[in-house]
Amino acid sequence: MKLKGNIVDIQNRKIFKGEITIENGKIKSIEEKDCDSDYYILPGFVDAHIHIESSMLVPSEFAKVAVKHGTVATVSDPHEIANVLGVKGVEFMIENGKQTPFKFNFGAPSCVPATNFESAGAVIDADDIKALMANPDIKYLAEMMNYPGVIYDDAEVLKKIEWAKYYNKPIDGHAPGLRGDDLTKYISAGISTDHECFTYEEGLEKLQKGMKVIVREGSAAKNFEVLIDLLDEHYENMMFCSDDKHPDDLLLGHINQLCARAVAKGIDVFKVLQVACVNPVKHYNLDVGLLQENDAADIIVVNNLKDFTVLYTYIDGELVSGQGHSLIESVDFEVVNNFKTTNKDILDFRLQSDTVKIRVIECLDGELITNQIIENSTKDNGNLVSNTETDVLKMVVVNRYKNDKPAIAFIKNFGLKEGAIASSVGHDSHNIIAVGVSDEAIYKAVNLLIENKGGICAISDTEQKVVALPVAGIMSDQNAETIGKQYSELDKMAKQLGSKLHAPYMSLSFMALLVIPDLKLSDKGLFSGKDFKFTSLEV
């Protein structure tokens, strides 16, 4: 097979008219010669850090969409399903991904459970990490979220890091806001990347201290604008990622969108493409071609180097997407899950208190971090309840792995004026998380998800909608178009109920993410990520 067009040689920083000959899935030759094609031929894009589970798609269905946007590979952390099913969940992701030509590169989840302050469905200890690291399908140690464990020399954390070093596999970081001497120690432990920088200054310090900074632009967490100005000088040590990408967003675009935005800011196209295509392959030692002779023919054809509209995608010389149509087929797979709690009573959501002031989680749109604020409580016969006037709404987290009383707190900026929304996608342990204007609405939303063994839902005064997620309670068994449409309808309903957040369900999923400061809620109670300990609702 031969491809003709404007060949973009990123590593030698030149573009020339030419012809590529492909044999047996590899690039046999690249010749400079005149041709009448105006299209541009590039190596494929790589998402340098993503949780496939957050697309609500199993890997084989994710692949079908990603190739349409020119993505040929991902560096994928199966942390979410691991918190539900342990090593069995990691194995599910690897095996399902192998059913497609797409190049998934899975890591060993380093923090299962993410903390000891929440209930997860499984544990992956240092012995499990040893076994995973010995597996050639595992490419790296996934994000070390327990940065206090690194800084304070937690023996179990250090054992996991040592096994990664023993097998000579990269170690990913996760340390939002970490600076100074603590950052220096974190890096010296062998941790090489971070995708959690939320200020320019933080990103710069991490780069200067030898880390690779991954620019994240997901459905909820969006750090592109604050970090992109670092790229011009530090492009050799940066990558692009989405981290968490909901299905409706994935249908619209992927890493190609970040390339277009970066070039529109006047950044040199070769620098942008090195970040999007080359750096992840070299850092993680991926079996992904870079448009060089004898490389795997992992190639995309785009309309131009401004829009990056992808016309064709090839993986190992096989055409997997053409003119917006994916050629990857759906595959059969076993549905796996871990959902044991039973229906709750409305009285479970009452919180008797005479307190006047309460600690409230302040949700920040487009951010994983939250603030801790103090607000007046609202009572109904001694029960603390939501106040739609002040937008201080009751929030609960319900343990899905056993029958326990819900943990209760309050949150600001969800904006609901009616009903409730709930999700069993609740990072990191994926317990049920819900926000609503009344105990009754929350009770109905939580029970709807329990009856479906996982999903996301919205409840109004007159209707209810649910998107079932039967695979581990976090992924659908449907294709992207089906789940994307259902998710869009649910997102629209949440906004009709009053939410002003860009992605209310994605934001909701992170309100139980204890490793991101400051105030969050686990199934065990209100937690300060800044102090890394439980705190009281009552002030």
Protein backbone atom coordinates (compact mmCIF):
# COMPACT_ATOMS: atom_id res chain seq x y z
CA MET A 1 0.00 0.00 0.00
CA LYS A 2 1.15 3.52 -0.76
CA LEU A 3 0.13 6.89 0.74
CA LYS A 4 0.90 10.18 -0.99
CA GLY A 5 0.73 13.71 0.35
CA ASN A 6 2.53 16.29 2.45
CA ILE A 7 4.62 14.18 4.80
CA VAL A 8 5.16 15.80 8.21
CA ASP A 9 8.50 14.68 9.64
CA ILE A 10 8.16 15.95 13.21
CA GLN A 11 11.52 14.78 14.48
CA ASN A 12 13.46 16.40 11.63
CA ARG A 13 11.09 19.40 11.56
CA LYS A 14 10.29 19.37 7.87
CA ILE A 15 7.30 18.91 5.56
CA PHE A 16 7.72 17.56 2.03
CA LYS A 17 5.68 16.07 -0.78
CA GLY A 18 6.23 12.35 -0.85
CA GLU A 19 5.10 8.75 -0.91
CA ILE A 20 5.02 6.20 1.91
CA THR A 21 5.16 2.49 1.13
CA ILE A 22 3.62 0.16 3.70
CA GLU A 23 4.20 -3.60 3.86
CA ASN A 24 3.19 -6.06 6.57
CA GLY A 25 1.99 -3.29 8.84
CA LYS A 26 5.26 -1.36 8.77
CA ILE A 27 6.65 1.59 6.86
CA LYS A 28 8.98 0.11 4.23
CA SER A 29 10.06 3.40 2.70
CA ILE A 30 9.45 7.16 2.69
CA GLU A 31 10.39 8.87 -0.56
CA GLU A 32 10.38 12.54 -1.40
CA LYS A 33 8.55 12.95 -4.71
CA ASP A 34 5.97 15.24 -6.26
CA CYS A 35 2.31 14.28 -5.97
CA ASP A 36 -1.06 15.96 -6.44
CA SER A 37 -2.38 15.38 -2.90
CA ASP A 38 -2.69 18.40 -0.62
CA TYR A 39 -3.48 16.35 2.48
CA TYR A 40 -1.01 16.05 5.38
CA ILE A 41 0.33 12.73 6.64
CA LEU A 42 1.27 12.52 10.33
CA PRO A 43 1.98 9.96 13.03
CA GLY A 44 -1.16 9.22 15.04
CA PHE A 45 -2.13 11.10 18.20
CA VAL A 46 -1.59 9.60 21.66
CA ASP A 47 -3.60 10.52 24.76
CA ALA A 48 -0.90 10.49 27.45
CA HIS A 49 -3.24 9.88 30.39
CA ILE A 50 -6.84 8.75 30.34
CA HIS A 51 -9.27 6.67 32.33
CA ILE A 52 -11.18 4.89 29.58
CA GLU A 53 -13.92 4.16 32.12
CA SER A 54 -14.86 7.84 32.31
CA SER A 55 -16.04 7.73 28.70
CA MET A 56 -18.63 5.27 30.04
CA LEU A 57 -17.47 2.97 27.23
CA VAL A 58 -15.57 -0.29 27.40
CA PRO A 59 -12.18 -0.07 25.62
CA SER A 60 -13.39 -1.71 22.38
CA GLU A 61 -16.17 0.88 22.03
CA PHE A 62 -13.87 3.76 23.02
CA ALA A 63 -11.47 2.70 20.25
CA LYS A 64 -14.21 2.92 17.61
CA VAL A 65 -14.66 6.64 18.35
CA ALA A 66 -11.09 7.66 19.13
CA VAL A 67 -9.72 6.53 15.76
CA LYS A 68 -12.12 8.89 13.98
CA HIS A 69 -10.22 11.74 15.64
CA GLY A 70 -6.79 10.37 14.74
CA THR A 71 -5.96 8.84 18.11
CA VAL A 72 -4.09 5.56 17.62
CA ALA A 73 -3.03 4.89 21.21
CA THR A 74 -3.70 5.79 24.81
CA VAL A 75 -1.76 5.61 28.04
CA SER A 76 -4.65 4.28 30.10
CA ASP A 77 -4.97 4.01 33.86
CA PRO A 78 -7.61 1.36 34.76
CA HIS A 79 -7.77 2.82 38.26
CA GLU A 80 -11.55 3.25 38.18
CA ILE A 81 -12.53 -0.34 37.44
CA ALA A 82 -9.72 -1.54 39.73
CA ASN A 83 -11.35 0.24 42.66
CA VAL A 84 -14.51 -1.74 41.91
CA LEU A 85 -13.11 -5.14 40.91
CA GLY A 86 -9.38 -5.14 41.67
CA VAL A 87 -6.96 -7.01 39.40
CA LYS A 88 -9.93 -8.74 37.74
CA GLY A 89 -11.04 -5.31 36.49
CA VAL A 90 -7.59 -4.53 35.07
CA GLU A 91 -7.61 -7.86 33.25
CA PHE A 92 -11.06 -7.10 31.82
CA MET A 93 -9.79 -3.83 30.33
CA ILE A 94 -6.67 -5.42 28.82
CA GLU A 95 -8.53 -8.32 27.25
CA ASN A 96 -11.37 -6.21 25.89
CA GLY A 97 -8.88 -3.73 24.41
CA LYS A 98 -6.99 -6.55 22.69
CA GLN A 99 -10.08 -7.31 20.62
CA THR A 100 -9.34 -4.20 18.52
CA PRO A 101 -6.30 -2.95 16.57
CA PHE A 102 -6.19 0.17 18.78
CA LYS A 103 -3.06 0.44 20.93
CA PHE A 104 -4.18 0.60 24.54
CA ASN A 105 -1.29 0.84 27.00
CA PHE A 106 -2.54 0.06 30.47
CA GLY A 107 -0.79 0.83 33.73
CA ALA A 108 -0.92 -0.87 37.13
CA PRO A 109 -3.20 1.20 39.40
CA SER A 110 -1.04 2.32 42.32
CA CYS A 111 -3.76 3.46 44.72
CA VAL A 112 -6.55 0.92 45.20
CA PRO A 113 -8.19 2.02 47.37
CA ALA A 114 -7.11 5.58 46.71
CA THR A 115 -7.16 6.28 50.47
CA ASN A 116 -8.08 4.48 53.66
CA PHE A 117 -10.79 7.07 54.26
CA GLU A 118 -13.36 5.52 51.90
CA SER A 119 -14.84 2.12 51.07
CA ALA A 120 -13.71 0.62 47.77
CA GLY A 121 -14.62 -2.71 46.23
CA ALA A 122 -11.10 -4.11 46.15
CA VAL A 123 -7.48 -3.74 47.25
CA ILE A 124 -4.35 -3.86 45.08
CA ASP A 125 -1.34 -4.20 47.36
CA ALA A 126 2.40 -4.25 46.69
CA ASP A 127 2.36 -7.98 45.92
CA ASP A 128 -0.34 -7.39 43.30
CA ILE A 129 1.74 -4.54 41.84
CA LYS A 130 4.72 -6.92 41.65
CA ALA A 131 2.66 -9.40 39.62
CA LEU A 132 1.21 -6.69 37.39
CA MET A 133 4.60 -5.12 36.72
CA ALA A 134 5.88 -8.51 35.53
CA ASN A 135 3.09 -8.58 32.93
CA PRO A 136 4.29 -7.23 29.55
CA ASP A 137 0.79 -5.84 28.95
CA ILE A 138 1.35 -3.43 31.85
CA LYS A 139 3.46 -0.51 30.65
CA TYR A 140 3.87 1.69 33.74
CA LEU A 141 2.89 2.34 37.36
CA ALA A 142 -0.20 4.51 37.14
CA GLU A 143 -0.67 7.80 38.93
CA MET A 144 0.69 7.79 42.48
CA MET A 145 -2.13 9.74 44.05
CA ASN A 146 -1.01 9.07 47.60
CA TYR A 147 1.63 11.77 47.55
CA PRO A 148 1.60 12.11 51.37
CA GLY A 149 2.56 8.42 51.43
CA VAL A 150 5.56 9.20 49.22
CA ILE A 151 6.59 12.26 51.20
CA TYR A 152 6.28 10.51 54.59
CA ASP A 153 7.88 7.23 53.45
CA ASP A 154 4.87 4.94 53.73
CA ALA A 155 6.35 1.43 53.44
CA GLU A 156 3.58 0.01 51.21
CA VAL A 157 3.70 2.99 48.84
CA LEU A 158 7.48 2.77 48.54
CA LYS A 159 7.29 -0.99 47.81
CA LYS A 160 4.98 -0.32 44.86
CA ILE A 161 7.38 2.29 43.51
CA GLU A 162 10.33 -0.08 43.92
CA TRP A 163 8.60 -2.80 41.88
CA ALA A 164 8.10 -0.33 39.03
CA LYS A 165 11.77 0.55 39.17
CA TYR A 166 12.74 -3.13 39.30
CA TYR A 167 10.88 -3.75 36.04
CA ASN A 168 12.19 -0.47 34.58
CA LYS A 169 8.73 0.96 33.95
CA PRO A 170 7.81 4.66 34.25
CA ILE A 171 5.97 5.98 37.32
CA ASP A 172 3.16 8.47 36.84
CA GLY A 173 2.42 11.22 39.32
CA HIS A 174 -0.70 12.88 40.68
CA ALA A 175 0.10 15.78 42.98
CA PRO A 176 -2.17 18.82 42.54
CA GLY A 177 -0.68 21.94 44.08
CA LEU A 178 2.43 20.16 45.39
CA ARG A 179 5.36 22.61 45.50
CA GLY A 180 8.69 23.26 47.19
CA ASP A 181 10.59 20.67 49.20
CA ASP A 182 7.68 18.23 49.25
CA LEU A 183 7.62 18.27 45.45
CA THR A 184 11.38 17.73 45.32
CA LYS A 185 11.06 14.63 47.51
CA TYR A 186 8.12 13.34 45.48
CA ILE A 187 10.12 13.59 42.25
CA SER A 188 13.24 12.08 43.84
CA ALA A 189 11.21 8.95 44.59
CA GLY A 190 11.19 8.32 40.84
CA ILE A 191 7.89 9.89 39.84
CA SER A 192 8.24 11.32 36.36
CA THR A 193 4.97 13.00 35.27
CA ASP A 194 2.07 15.06 36.54
CA HIS A 195 -1.24 15.85 34.87
CA GLU A 196 -2.72 17.72 37.84
CA CYS A 197 -1.07 21.16 37.54
CA PHE A 198 -3.71 23.87 37.80
CA THR A 199 -1.52 26.99 37.68
CA TYR A 200 1.24 28.14 35.33
CA GLU A 201 3.64 28.56 38.25
CA GLU A 202 3.05 25.02 39.49
CA GLY A 203 3.60 23.60 36.01
CA LEU A 204 6.79 25.61 35.58
CA GLU A 205 8.25 24.47 38.89
CA LYS A 206 7.55 20.83 38.09
CA LEU A 207 9.18 21.19 34.67
CA GLN A 208 12.20 22.94 36.14
CA LYS A 209 12.62 20.13 38.66
CA GLY A 210 12.64 17.48 35.92
CA MET A 211 9.05 16.32 35.71
CA LYS A 212 7.14 15.97 32.48
CA VAL A 213 3.94 18.02 32.61
CA ILE A 214 0.86 16.63 30.88
CA VAL A 215 -1.61 19.30 29.76
CA ARG A 216 -5.08 18.06 30.66
CA GLU A 217 -8.30 19.08 28.97
CA GLY A 218 -11.14 16.79 29.98
CA SER A 219 -14.88 17.10 30.38
CA ALA A 220 -14.65 18.60 33.88
CA ALA A 221 -10.99 19.43 34.56
CA LYS A 222 -9.68 21.91 32.01
CA ASN A 223 -6.11 23.12 32.44
CA PHE A 224 -5.18 23.84 28.81
CA GLU A 225 -5.47 27.62 29.04
CA VAL A 226 -3.34 28.02 32.18
CA LEU A 227 -0.58 25.67 31.01
CA ILE A 228 -0.37 26.07 27.24
CA ASP A 229 2.02 29.04 27.39
CA LEU A 230 4.63 26.69 28.89
CA LEU A 231 4.68 24.65 25.69
CA ASP A 232 6.69 27.00 23.50
CA GLU A 233 9.80 26.67 25.68
CA HIS A 234 9.19 23.27 27.31
CA TYR A 235 7.64 21.27 24.46
CA GLU A 236 10.25 18.51 24.78
CA ASN A 237 8.91 17.66 28.25
CA MET A 238 5.16 18.07 27.80
CA MET A 239 2.27 15.91 26.57
CA PHE A 240 -1.49 16.21 26.02
CA CYS A 241 -4.18 14.23 27.79
CA SER A 242 -7.88 14.21 28.50
CA ASP A 243 -7.80 12.26 31.79
CA ASP A 244 -11.60 12.00 31.91
CA LYS A 245 -13.72 12.36 28.77
CA HIS A 246 -17.48 11.88 28.77
CA PRO A 247 -19.05 10.17 25.74
CA ASP A 248 -20.73 13.24 24.25
CA ASP A 249 -17.43 15.15 24.30
CA LEU A 250 -15.50 12.20 22.86
CA LEU A 251 -17.86 12.05 19.89
CA LEU A 252 -16.86 15.66 19.06
CA GLY A 253 -13.11 15.34 19.23
CA HIS A 254 -10.03 14.26 21.15
CA ILE A 255 -6.32 15.20 21.04
CA ASN A 256 -6.84 16.69 17.57
CA GLN A 257 -8.83 19.49 19.21
CA LEU A 258 -5.92 20.42 21.48
CA CYS A 259 -3.57 20.56 18.49
CA ALA A 260 -5.90 22.96 16.69
CA ARG A 261 -6.21 25.18 19.76
CA ALA A 262 -2.44 25.26 20.35
CA VAL A 263 -1.65 26.13 16.72
CA ALA A 264 -4.33 28.85 16.82
CA LYS A 265 -2.36 30.45 19.66
CA GLY A 266 0.62 30.79 17.35
CA ILE A 267 2.68 27.92 18.74
CA ASP A 268 4.97 26.25 16.21
CA VAL A 269 3.22 23.24 14.68
CA PHE A 270 6.23 20.97 15.06
CA LYS A 271 6.31 21.67 18.80
CA VAL A 272 2.60 20.97 19.09
CA LEU A 273 2.87 17.70 17.19
CA GLN A 274 5.88 16.58 19.21
CA VAL A 275 3.73 16.98 22.34
CA ALA A 276 0.72 15.23 20.76
CA CYS A 277 2.46 12.39 18.94
CA VAL A 278 6.10 11.85 19.83
CA ASN A 279 6.66 12.53 23.53
CA PRO A 280 4.22 9.93 24.93
CA VAL A 281 5.70 7.21 22.70
CA LYS A 282 9.23 7.95 23.86
CA HIS A 283 8.45 8.50 27.54
CA TYR A 284 6.40 5.32 27.97
CA ASN A 285 8.38 3.28 25.41
CA LEU A 286 5.23 2.50 23.44
CA ASP A 287 5.01 0.23 20.42
CA VAL A 288 3.59 3.06 18.32
CA GLY A 289 5.05 4.26 15.05
CA LEU A 290 6.40 7.81 14.56
CA LEU A 291 6.37 7.96 10.77
CA GLN A 292 9.90 6.71 10.29
CA GLU A 293 11.11 3.87 8.07
CA ASN A 294 10.65 0.45 9.75
CA ASP A 295 8.15 1.92 12.25
CA ALA A 296 4.70 0.47 12.70
CA ALA A 297 2.42 2.20 10.18
CA ASP A 298 0.39 4.14 12.75
CA ILE A 299 -0.53 7.01 10.49
CA ILE A 300 -3.20 9.66 10.12
CA VAL A 301 -4.16 11.84 7.18
CA VAL A 302 -5.54 15.29 7.99
CA ASN A 303 -7.01 18.11 5.90
CA ASN A 304 -4.52 20.75 7.08
CA LEU A 305 -2.29 21.71 10.00
CA LYS A 306 -4.75 24.19 11.46
CA ASP A 307 -8.04 22.34 11.88
CA PHE A 308 -6.58 18.81 12.11
CA THR A 309 -9.76 17.29 10.70
CA VAL A 310 -8.87 13.62 10.41
CA LEU A 311 -9.67 11.99 7.04
CA TYR A 312 -8.04 8.56 7.50
CA THR A 313 -6.50 6.64 10.39
CA TYR A 314 -4.24 3.60 9.99
CA ILE A 315 -2.97 1.34 12.78
CA ASP A 316 -0.27 -1.17 11.84
CA GLY A 317 -1.09 -0.36 8.21
CA GLU A 318 -4.77 -1.26 8.63
CA LEU A 319 -7.34 1.38 7.73
CA VAL A 320 -9.42 1.76 10.91
CA SER A 321 -11.28 4.98 10.08
CA GLY A 322 -12.10 6.77 6.85
CA GLN A 323 -14.00 10.01 6.17
CA GLY A 324 -15.53 10.08 9.64
CA HIS A 325 -16.55 6.41 9.70
CA SER A 326 -14.95 3.94 12.08
CA LEU A 327 -14.11 0.53 10.64
CA ILE A 328 -13.57 -1.08 14.04
CA GLU A 329 -16.32 -3.59 14.84
CA SER A 330 -18.10 -4.06 18.17
CA VAL A 331 -17.15 -7.18 20.11
CA ASP A 332 -18.96 -9.39 22.58
CA PHE A 333 -17.84 -9.31 26.22
CA GLU A 334 -18.89 -10.49 29.66
CA VAL A 335 -20.56 -7.86 31.85
CA VAL A 336 -18.74 -7.68 35.21
CA ASN A 337 -19.94 -5.78 38.28
CA ASN A 338 -19.72 -5.40 42.06
CA PHE A 339 -22.88 -3.80 43.46
CA LYS A 340 -24.20 -5.16 46.75
CA THR A 341 -26.14 -2.48 48.63
CA THR A 342 -29.95 -2.64 48.76
CA ASN A 343 -32.60 0.08 48.62
CA LYS A 344 -32.49 2.84 51.21
CA ASP A 345 -35.24 4.31 53.38
CA ILE A 346 -36.05 8.02 53.19
CA LEU A 347 -35.21 8.35 56.88
CA ASP A 348 -31.61 7.37 56.03
CA PHE A 349 -31.18 10.81 54.49
CA ARG A 350 -32.23 12.83 57.55
CA LEU A 351 -29.53 14.64 59.53
CA GLN A 352 -30.63 15.83 62.97
CA SER A 353 -28.60 18.79 64.24
CA ASP A 354 -29.05 22.09 66.03
CA THR A 355 -25.93 23.65 64.50
CA VAL A 356 -26.22 27.16 63.06
CA LYS A 357 -23.12 27.11 60.86
CA ILE A 358 -21.94 24.28 58.60
CA ARG A 359 -18.89 23.50 56.49
CA VAL A 360 -19.90 23.44 52.83
CA ILE A 361 -18.11 22.07 49.76
CA GLU A 362 -17.80 24.82 47.15
CA CYS A 363 -17.75 23.16 43.73
CA LEU A 364 -15.71 25.08 41.13
CA ASP A 365 -16.82 24.66 37.53
CA GLY A 366 -14.16 23.01 35.37
CA GLU A 367 -11.97 22.14 38.37
CA LEU A 368 -11.35 19.06 40.48
CA ILE A 369 -10.30 21.16 43.43
CA THR A 370 -12.96 22.55 45.76
CA ASN A 371 -13.08 25.19 48.46
CA GLN A 372 -14.28 24.88 52.04
CA ILE A 373 -16.76 27.62 52.95
CA ILE A 374 -18.96 28.31 55.98
CA GLU A 375 -22.70 28.80 55.48
CA ASN A 376 -25.83 29.04 57.60
CA SER A 377 -27.70 25.79 58.06
CA THR A 378 -31.36 25.34 57.09
CA LYS A 379 -33.58 23.14 59.26
CA ASP A 380 -36.94 21.42 58.97
CA ASN A 381 -38.04 19.98 62.34
CA GLY A 382 -34.41 19.65 63.37
CA ASN A 383 -33.38 17.97 60.09
CA LEU A 384 -30.69 19.80 58.09
CA VAL A 385 -32.10 20.31 54.59
CA SER A 386 -31.23 21.90 51.24
CA ASN A 387 -31.74 25.61 50.66
CA THR A 388 -32.33 26.47 47.00
CA GLU A 389 -32.31 30.21 47.77
CA THR A 390 -28.69 30.13 48.91
CA ASP A 391 -27.82 27.15 46.66
CA VAL A 392 -26.59 25.12 49.63
CA LEU A 393 -27.84 21.65 48.76
CA LYS A 394 -27.74 18.34 50.58
CA MET A 395 -25.26 15.84 49.17
CA VAL A 396 -24.86 12.17 50.06
CA VAL A 397 -22.42 9.36 49.37
CA VAL A 398 -23.79 5.82 49.72
CA ASN A 399 -21.54 2.76 50.04
CA ARG A 400 -22.45 0.47 47.14
CA TYR A 401 -20.40 -2.50 48.35
CA LYS A 402 -22.39 -3.16 51.54
CA ASN A 403 -25.42 -1.83 53.42
CA ASP A 404 -24.39 1.24 55.39
CA LYS A 405 -25.96 4.55 56.37
CA PRO A 406 -25.33 7.32 53.82
CA ALA A 407 -22.72 9.99 54.58
CA ILE A 408 -24.27 13.45 54.41
CA ALA A 409 -22.83 16.90 53.70
CA PHE A 410 -23.75 20.09 51.82
CA ILE A 411 -22.50 21.59 48.58
CA LYS A 412 -22.71 24.92 46.77
CA ASN A 413 -22.83 25.78 43.04
CA PHE A 414 -24.81 22.83 41.74
CA GLY A 415 -27.71 25.24 41.36
CA LEU A 416 -30.57 22.74 41.32
CA LYS A 417 -34.00 24.28 41.85
CA GLU A 418 -35.88 21.00 41.56
CA GLY A 419 -35.25 17.28 41.99
CA ALA A 420 -31.91 15.53 42.29
CA ILE A 421 -29.08 14.03 40.24
CA ALA A 422 -27.05 10.96 41.17
CA SER A 423 -24.20 8.84 39.85
CA SER A 424 -22.38 5.61 40.68
CA VAL A 425 -19.38 7.10 38.87
CA GLY A 426 -17.88 8.60 42.02
CA HIS A 427 -14.11 8.85 41.93
CA ASP A 428 -12.26 7.00 43.23
CA SER A 429 -14.23 4.26 44.93
CA HIS A 430 -17.36 4.66 42.80
CA ASN A 431 -19.89 4.70 45.54
CA ILE A 432 -23.22 6.38 44.82
CA ILE A 433 -23.09 10.17 45.01
CA ALA A 434 -26.18 12.40 44.85
CA VAL A 435 -27.19 16.05 45.21
CA GLY A 436 -30.77 17.24 45.52
CA VAL A 437 -33.22 19.85 46.72
CA SER A 438 -35.00 17.52 49.14
CA ASP A 439 -34.49 14.28 51.04
CA GLU A 440 -37.26 12.69 48.99
CA ALA A 441 -35.64 13.55 45.66
CA ILE A 442 -32.24 12.27 46.84
CA TYR A 443 -33.85 9.07 48.18
CA LYS A 444 -35.56 8.39 44.84
CA ALA A 445 -32.39 9.07 42.81
CA VAL A 446 -30.20 6.83 44.97
CA ASN A 447 -32.67 3.94 44.87
CA LEU A 448 -33.04 4.26 41.11
CA LEU A 449 -29.31 3.64 40.73
CA ILE A 450 -29.35 0.75 43.20
CA GLU A 451 -32.16 -0.90 41.23
CA ASN A 452 -30.09 -0.53 38.02
CA LYS A 453 -26.87 -1.77 39.68
CA GLY A 454 -25.16 1.46 38.63
CA GLY A 455 -25.61 4.42 36.32
CA ILE A 456 -26.36 8.12 36.30
CA CYS A 457 -29.81 9.62 36.74
CA ALA A 458 -31.93 12.73 37.18
CA ILE A 459 -35.20 13.07 39.08
CA SER A 460 -37.67 15.94 38.67
CA ASP A 461 -41.09 16.45 40.20
CA THR A 462 -42.69 14.75 37.20
CA GLU A 463 -40.15 12.44 35.55
CA GLN A 464 -37.02 10.40 35.99
CA LYS A 465 -34.26 9.46 33.57
CA VAL A 466 -31.48 6.96 34.04
CA VAL A 467 -28.51 5.83 31.96
CA ALA A 468 -27.69 2.32 33.13
CA LEU A 469 -23.98 1.47 33.51
CA PRO A 470 -23.95 -2.28 34.12
CA VAL A 471 -20.22 -2.81 33.53
CA ALA A 472 -18.72 -2.32 37.01
CA GLY A 473 -21.40 0.33 37.60
CA ILE A 474 -19.28 2.80 35.63
CA MET A 475 -19.45 1.73 31.95
CA SER A 476 -22.18 0.99 29.45
CA ASP A 477 -22.57 -2.15 27.38
CA GLN A 478 -23.76 0.05 24.48
CA ASN A 479 -21.91 1.92 21.73
CA ALA A 480 -20.78 5.54 21.91
CA GLU A 481 -23.59 6.96 19.79
CA THR A 482 -26.24 5.35 22.00
CA ILE A 483 -24.63 6.24 25.32
CA GLY A 484 -23.61 9.68 24.05
CA LYS A 485 -27.20 10.52 23.13
CA GLN A 486 -28.54 9.21 26.44
CA TYR A 487 -25.89 11.11 28.36
CA SER A 488 -26.62 14.35 26.45
CA GLU A 489 -30.32 14.03 27.30
CA LEU A 490 -29.49 13.50 30.96
CA ASP A 491 -27.04 16.41 30.96
CA LYS A 492 -29.78 18.59 29.45
CA MET A 493 -32.24 17.49 32.13
CA ALA A 494 -29.78 18.32 34.92
CA LYS A 495 -29.43 21.80 33.49
CA GLN A 496 -33.21 22.13 33.18
CA LEU A 497 -33.36 21.33 36.89
CA GLY A 498 -31.19 24.41 37.40
CA SER A 499 -27.55 23.37 37.24
CA LYS A 500 -25.27 25.96 35.63
CA LEU A 501 -22.21 23.69 35.63
CA HIS A 502 -20.67 22.87 32.24
CA ALA A 503 -20.61 19.13 33.00
CA PRO A 504 -22.72 18.53 36.14
CA TYR A 505 -22.27 14.74 36.17
CA MET A 506 -18.53 14.90 35.67
CA SER A 507 -18.27 17.53 38.42
CA LEU A 508 -20.49 15.40 40.67
CA SER A 509 -18.23 12.38 40.13
CA PHE A 510 -15.26 14.27 41.59
CA MET A 511 -16.97 15.48 44.77
CA ALA A 512 -15.92 12.24 46.48
CA LEU A 513 -12.31 12.44 45.20
CA LEU A 514 -10.52 12.79 48.51
CA VAL A 515 -6.98 13.16 47.13
CA ILE A 516 -7.88 16.49 45.52
CA PRO A 517 -8.15 19.37 48.02
CA ASP A 518 -9.94 20.73 49.78
CA LEU A 519 -13.31 19.58 51.04
CA LYS A 520 -14.86 16.33 49.74
CA LEU A 521 -17.29 13.67 50.97
CA SER A 522 -16.61 9.93 51.20
CA ASP A 523 -19.02 7.25 52.32
CA LYS A 524 -17.34 7.55 55.73
CA GLY A 525 -17.75 11.29 56.16
CA LEU A 526 -16.63 14.84 55.31
CA PHE A 527 -12.93 14.98 54.48
CA SER A 528 -10.32 17.72 54.19
CA GLY A 529 -7.87 16.93 51.38
CA LYS A 530 -5.69 19.78 52.58
CA ASP A 531 -5.26 18.32 56.08
CA PHE A 532 -5.80 14.74 54.85
CA LYS A 533 -8.22 13.87 57.64
CA PHE A 534 -11.93 13.85 58.42
CA THR A 535 -13.55 17.07 59.53
CA SER A 536 -16.88 18.00 61.10
CA LEU A 537 -19.90 19.27 59.19
CA GLU A 538 -20.81 21.36 62.21
CA VAL A 539 -18.75 24.47 62.92
